[in-house]
Amino acid sequence: MPAPKLCVADVSMTFKTGMTSKNPAGTFQALAPVTLAIPQGRFVSLIGPSGCGKSTIFNIIAGLLEPTAGRVIIDGVDATGTIGRVGYMLQKDLLLPWRTVLDNVILGMEIQGVPLAQARERALPLLARYGLGGFEYLYPSSLSGGMRQRAALLRTLLFDTDVILLDEPFGALDAQTKLAMQEWLLQLWGDFAKTVVFVTHDVEEAIFLSDAVHVMGTRPGRIIETIAVALPRPRLRASTTSPEFMALKERCLDLLRRQDVPSIEDAA
């Protein structure tokens, strides 16, 4: 078997909190040892209650946090604590208001040293292909929430890394826009062949997008089960009403209900 594109190997995280009568050790274990092995080109999701460590895992993979123990391995190379090895998009689009849509989208390429003219030349046809044609020279304040997220996602993909982390990118969108953005993201994923790790509070979204769903528990954060999604691709919206899809959704929700914490549906 080939080595996975991304491997999170027995990663754990403990934070110092200061000693109290209830916590004489003065520490908080945010993550128990977590292991993930994600093959090239796969789309996987992490779901779990608030506080289970999803964002902590992302920050460790991105090199923004050093784990207390364990390693992050990308393409067989230890990337623990190394920034710039993955693309990372948060729920907020973080577009720069003084730059046009085009110049926001090419920001990652600029950081990597691609000449400005070359970066714009590469990005322009992609803006047209992925629904941003005619908006290239507008500023973010002129865009809807969905269009801003399109620009932010395209910027993340053009950062030219093989692994992409998406932390609830559609969480702030209305229901109709969210459904459209899910299908748009699958189109991009199919075209760019990236390895995607996706965090969401929406069980149905996780199943619809993913090849596998990693369900997390808390106290401390850990993966309690990995559920393969064997639904055929390309993934059609009609699949969300199929018996197979509903069985996967019920399995995820059942795992979350057992944790004696508010369900993921309540936290959404």
Protein backbone atom coordinates (compact mmCIF):
# COMPACT_ATOMS: atom_id res chain seq x y z
CA MET A 1 0.00 0.00 0.00
CA PRO A 2 1.34 3.48 -0.84
CA ALA A 3 2.06 5.86 2.04
CA PRO A 4 -0.83 8.23 2.83
CA LYS A 5 -0.66 11.80 1.59
CA LEU A 6 -1.37 13.08 5.13
CA CYS A 7 -0.78 11.18 8.35
CA VAL A 8 -1.59 12.48 11.81
CA ALA A 9 0.32 9.99 13.95
CA ASP A 10 -0.67 9.65 17.63
CA VAL A 11 -1.01 13.42 18.00
CA SER A 12 -2.11 14.68 21.42
CA MET A 13 -2.35 18.16 22.90
CA THR A 14 -2.25 19.31 26.51
CA PHE A 15 -2.52 22.99 27.47
CA LYS A 16 -1.31 24.61 30.66
CA THR A 17 -4.18 26.33 32.47
CA GLY A 18 -2.79 27.21 35.89
CA MET A 19 -3.35 25.23 39.06
CA THR A 20 -6.71 25.42 40.89
CA SER A 21 -8.36 23.38 43.60
CA LYS A 22 -10.35 21.54 40.96
CA ASN A 23 -7.36 21.17 38.65
CA PRO A 24 -4.25 20.72 40.79
CA ALA A 25 -2.21 19.55 37.79
CA GLY A 26 -2.80 22.88 36.05
CA THR A 27 -3.30 21.24 32.66
CA PHE A 28 -6.13 20.52 30.22
CA GLN A 29 -5.92 17.64 27.76
CA ALA A 30 -7.56 18.94 24.60
CA LEU A 31 -6.68 15.91 22.48
CA ALA A 32 -6.08 12.30 23.39
CA PRO A 33 -3.80 10.54 20.87
CA VAL A 34 -5.40 10.95 17.44
CA THR A 35 -4.33 9.08 14.32
CA LEU A 36 -5.52 9.80 10.79
CA ALA A 37 -4.13 8.36 7.56
CA ILE A 38 -5.60 10.06 4.49
CA PRO A 39 -4.74 8.87 0.97
CA GLN A 40 -4.00 11.24 -1.90
CA GLY A 41 -7.07 12.86 -3.41
CA ARG A 42 -9.53 11.83 -0.71
CA PHE A 43 -12.19 14.07 0.84
CA VAL A 44 -12.72 13.40 4.55
CA SER A 45 -14.71 15.24 7.22
CA LEU A 46 -14.37 15.68 10.96
CA ILE A 47 -17.60 16.09 12.94
CA GLY A 48 -18.12 16.36 16.65
CA PRO A 49 -19.46 18.54 19.46
CA SER A 50 -18.02 21.95 20.21
CA GLY A 51 -14.79 21.64 22.18
CA CYS A 52 -13.82 18.21 20.84
CA GLY A 53 -10.59 19.49 19.32
CA LYS A 54 -11.39 19.75 15.60
CA SER A 55 -9.78 23.18 15.25
CA THR A 56 -6.85 22.08 17.43
CA ILE A 57 -6.17 19.23 14.98
CA PHE A 58 -6.32 21.69 12.08
CA ASN A 59 -3.92 24.10 13.78
CA ILE A 60 -1.50 21.24 14.44
CA ILE A 61 -1.68 20.01 10.83
CA ALA A 62 -1.13 23.58 9.60
CA GLY A 63 1.94 23.97 11.83
CA LEU A 64 0.38 26.73 13.92
CA LEU A 65 0.51 24.59 17.07
CA GLU A 66 3.19 22.16 18.22
CA PRO A 67 1.54 18.99 19.57
CA THR A 68 2.45 17.73 23.00
CA ALA A 69 3.17 14.36 21.40
CA GLY A 70 2.94 12.77 17.97
CA ARG A 71 3.82 13.84 14.45
CA VAL A 72 2.26 15.25 11.29
CA ILE A 73 3.62 13.56 8.18
CA ILE A 74 2.98 14.84 4.64
CA ASP A 75 4.25 12.80 1.69
CA GLY A 76 6.29 10.70 4.08
CA VAL A 77 8.14 13.73 5.49
CA ASP A 78 7.79 14.96 9.07
CA ALA A 79 5.98 18.32 8.77
CA THR A 80 5.24 18.82 12.47
CA GLY A 81 5.35 22.52 13.32
CA THR A 82 6.04 23.49 9.70
CA ILE A 83 3.85 26.18 8.15
CA GLY A 84 3.11 26.52 4.44
CA ARG A 85 2.66 22.81 3.74
CA VAL A 86 -1.15 22.95 3.57
CA GLY A 87 -3.85 25.37 2.46
CA TYR A 88 -6.12 26.46 5.32
CA MET A 89 -9.46 28.25 5.07
CA LEU A 90 -11.51 29.35 8.07
CA GLN A 91 -15.26 30.05 8.22
CA LYS A 92 -14.62 33.75 7.65
CA ASP A 93 -13.46 34.47 4.12
CA LEU A 94 -10.78 36.96 5.28
CA LEU A 95 -10.71 38.69 1.89
CA LEU A 96 -8.66 41.88 1.91
CA PRO A 97 -11.12 44.76 1.36
CA TRP A 98 -8.61 46.95 -0.52
CA ARG A 99 -7.85 44.28 -3.13
CA THR A 100 -10.06 43.27 -6.05
CA VAL A 101 -11.47 39.75 -6.29
CA LEU A 102 -8.71 38.86 -8.76
CA ASP A 103 -5.95 40.19 -6.54
CA ASN A 104 -7.44 38.44 -3.49
CA VAL A 105 -7.51 35.12 -5.33
CA ILE A 106 -3.83 35.35 -6.34
CA LEU A 107 -2.60 36.27 -2.85
CA GLY A 108 -1.29 32.79 -2.09
CA MET A 109 0.60 32.64 -5.36
CA GLU A 110 2.15 36.03 -4.63
CA ILE A 111 3.30 34.81 -1.21
CA GLN A 112 4.94 31.85 -2.94
CA GLY A 113 6.86 34.22 -5.22
CA VAL A 114 4.85 33.92 -8.45
CA PRO A 115 5.22 37.20 -10.45
CA LEU A 116 2.07 39.33 -10.33
CA ALA A 117 1.36 39.24 -14.07
CA GLN A 118 1.82 35.48 -14.21
CA ALA A 119 -0.44 34.93 -11.19
CA ARG A 120 -3.21 37.06 -12.72
CA GLU A 121 -2.88 35.27 -16.05
CA ARG A 122 -3.31 31.91 -14.32
CA ALA A 123 -6.24 33.02 -12.17
CA LEU A 124 -8.40 34.83 -14.72
CA PRO A 125 -9.65 31.78 -16.65
CA LEU A 126 -10.33 30.00 -13.35
CA LEU A 127 -12.46 32.89 -12.13
CA ALA A 128 -14.51 32.61 -15.32
CA ARG A 129 -14.76 28.81 -15.05
CA TYR A 130 -15.86 28.74 -11.42
CA GLY A 131 -18.60 31.35 -11.37
CA LEU A 132 -16.64 34.54 -10.68
CA GLY A 133 -16.47 35.82 -14.25
CA GLY A 134 -17.51 39.47 -14.39
CA PHE A 135 -16.55 39.99 -10.74
CA GLU A 136 -12.77 40.00 -11.23
CA TYR A 137 -12.26 43.69 -10.69
CA LEU A 138 -14.87 44.30 -8.02
CA TYR A 139 -14.02 44.62 -4.34
CA PRO A 140 -15.25 42.17 -1.67
CA SER A 141 -17.80 44.64 -0.32
CA SER A 142 -19.73 44.25 -3.61
CA LEU A 143 -20.09 40.48 -3.28
CA SER A 144 -22.69 38.26 -1.63
CA GLY A 145 -21.62 35.86 1.10
CA GLY A 146 -21.60 32.93 -1.30
CA MET A 147 -19.49 34.80 -3.86
CA ARG A 148 -17.00 35.83 -1.18
CA GLN A 149 -16.65 32.20 -0.13
CA ARG A 150 -16.06 31.19 -3.76
CA ALA A 151 -13.23 33.69 -3.98
CA ALA A 152 -11.75 32.54 -0.68
CA LEU A 153 -11.91 28.87 -1.65
CA LEU A 154 -10.33 29.52 -5.02
CA ARG A 155 -7.56 31.49 -3.29
CA THR A 156 -6.95 28.53 -0.97
CA LEU A 157 -6.79 26.06 -3.86
CA LEU A 158 -4.39 28.28 -5.80
CA PHE A 159 -1.99 28.34 -2.84
CA ASP A 160 -0.64 25.29 -4.68
CA THR A 161 -0.47 22.75 -1.87
CA ASP A 162 -1.82 19.22 -2.20
CA VAL A 163 -3.57 19.20 1.19
CA ILE A 164 -6.43 21.61 1.92
CA LEU A 165 -8.02 22.21 5.34
CA LEU A 166 -11.52 23.72 5.32
CA ASP A 167 -12.90 24.74 8.72
CA GLU A 168 -16.70 25.20 8.43
CA PRO A 169 -16.45 27.29 5.24
CA PHE A 170 -20.23 27.27 4.69
CA GLY A 171 -21.35 27.64 8.30
CA ALA A 172 -22.47 31.26 7.96
CA LEU A 173 -24.37 30.84 4.67
CA ASP A 174 -28.13 30.51 4.25
CA ALA A 175 -29.46 27.03 3.49
CA GLN A 176 -30.00 27.51 -0.26
CA THR A 177 -26.57 29.07 -0.82
CA LYS A 178 -24.97 26.38 1.31
CA LEU A 179 -26.36 23.58 -0.87
CA ALA A 180 -25.12 25.31 -4.02
CA MET A 181 -21.68 25.82 -2.48
CA GLN A 182 -21.39 22.14 -1.55
CA GLU A 183 -21.93 21.12 -5.17
CA TRP A 184 -19.53 23.83 -6.36
CA LEU A 185 -16.87 22.59 -3.94
CA LEU A 186 -17.21 19.04 -5.23
CA GLN A 187 -16.65 20.34 -8.75
CA LEU A 188 -13.45 22.09 -7.67
CA TRP A 189 -12.27 19.05 -5.73
CA GLY A 190 -12.81 16.85 -8.77
CA ASP A 191 -10.96 19.24 -11.06
CA PHE A 192 -8.01 20.02 -8.75
CA ALA A 193 -7.61 16.52 -7.23
CA LYS A 194 -6.65 17.93 -3.83
CA THR A 195 -6.67 16.01 -0.55
CA VAL A 196 -9.34 17.76 1.55
CA VAL A 197 -9.98 17.63 5.29
CA PHE A 198 -13.29 19.34 6.10
CA VAL A 199 -14.73 20.36 9.48
CA THR A 200 -18.47 20.89 9.81
CA HIS A 201 -21.26 20.88 12.38
CA ASP A 202 -23.66 19.56 9.72
CA VAL A 203 -23.85 15.76 9.59
CA GLU A 204 -25.67 15.73 6.25
CA GLU A 205 -23.07 18.04 4.71
CA ALA A 206 -20.24 15.81 5.95
CA ILE A 207 -21.77 12.67 4.42
CA PHE A 208 -22.73 14.33 1.13
CA LEU A 209 -19.20 15.64 0.52
CA SER A 210 -16.97 12.94 1.94
CA ASP A 211 -15.33 9.61 1.25
CA ALA A 212 -15.11 9.06 5.02
CA VAL A 213 -16.46 10.79 8.12
CA HIS A 214 -14.39 10.80 11.32
CA VAL A 215 -16.70 11.21 14.31
CA MET A 216 -15.07 12.85 17.32
CA GLY A 217 -15.83 12.74 21.00
CA THR A 218 -14.73 15.07 23.75
CA ARG A 219 -13.29 15.04 27.29
CA PRO A 220 -10.63 14.68 25.85
CA GLY A 221 -11.01 15.11 22.09
CA ARG A 222 -10.58 11.87 20.19
CA ILE A 223 -11.87 9.97 17.17
CA ILE A 224 -14.52 7.51 18.28
CA GLU A 225 -15.35 6.01 14.88
CA THR A 226 -14.49 6.35 11.21
CA ILE A 227 -17.41 5.79 8.85
CA ALA A 228 -16.76 5.06 5.17
CA VAL A 229 -19.17 6.73 2.74
CA ALA A 230 -19.55 4.31 -0.17
CA LEU A 231 -22.12 6.35 -2.08
CA PRO A 232 -21.27 6.64 -5.79
CA ARG A 233 -19.62 9.68 -7.30
CA PRO A 234 -20.38 12.08 -8.83
CA ARG A 235 -22.53 12.65 -5.74
CA LEU A 236 -26.06 13.69 -6.66
CA ARG A 237 -28.31 15.70 -4.33
CA ALA A 238 -30.96 13.00 -4.67
CA SER A 239 -28.63 10.65 -2.79
CA THR A 240 -29.40 12.52 0.46
CA THR A 241 -32.86 10.88 0.55
CA SER A 242 -31.64 7.35 -0.19
CA PRO A 243 -31.85 4.62 2.47
CA GLU A 244 -28.05 4.28 2.43
CA PHE A 245 -27.56 7.98 3.13
CA MET A 246 -30.17 8.03 5.89
CA ALA A 247 -28.53 5.01 7.55
CA LEU A 248 -25.15 6.79 7.55
CA LYS A 249 -26.72 9.92 9.01
CA GLU A 250 -28.45 7.99 11.77
CA ARG A 251 -25.21 6.19 12.62
CA CYS A 252 -23.36 9.51 12.99
CA LEU A 253 -26.11 11.04 15.11
CA ASP A 254 -26.31 7.96 17.30
CA LEU A 255 -22.58 8.15 18.03
CA LEU A 256 -22.93 11.81 18.98
CA ARG A 257 -25.96 11.22 21.21
CA ARG A 258 -24.02 8.72 23.31
CA GLN A 259 -21.50 11.28 24.49
CA ASP A 260 -23.66 13.00 27.12
CA VAL A 261 -23.12 16.35 25.37
CA PRO A 262 -25.43 18.48 23.20
CA SER A 263 -25.85 16.85 19.80
CA ILE A 264 -24.13 18.23 16.76
CA GLU A 265 -27.52 19.25 15.36
CA ASP A 266 -28.12 21.45 18.42
CA ALA A 267 -24.70 23.06 18.05
CA ALA A 268 -25.17 23.95 14.40
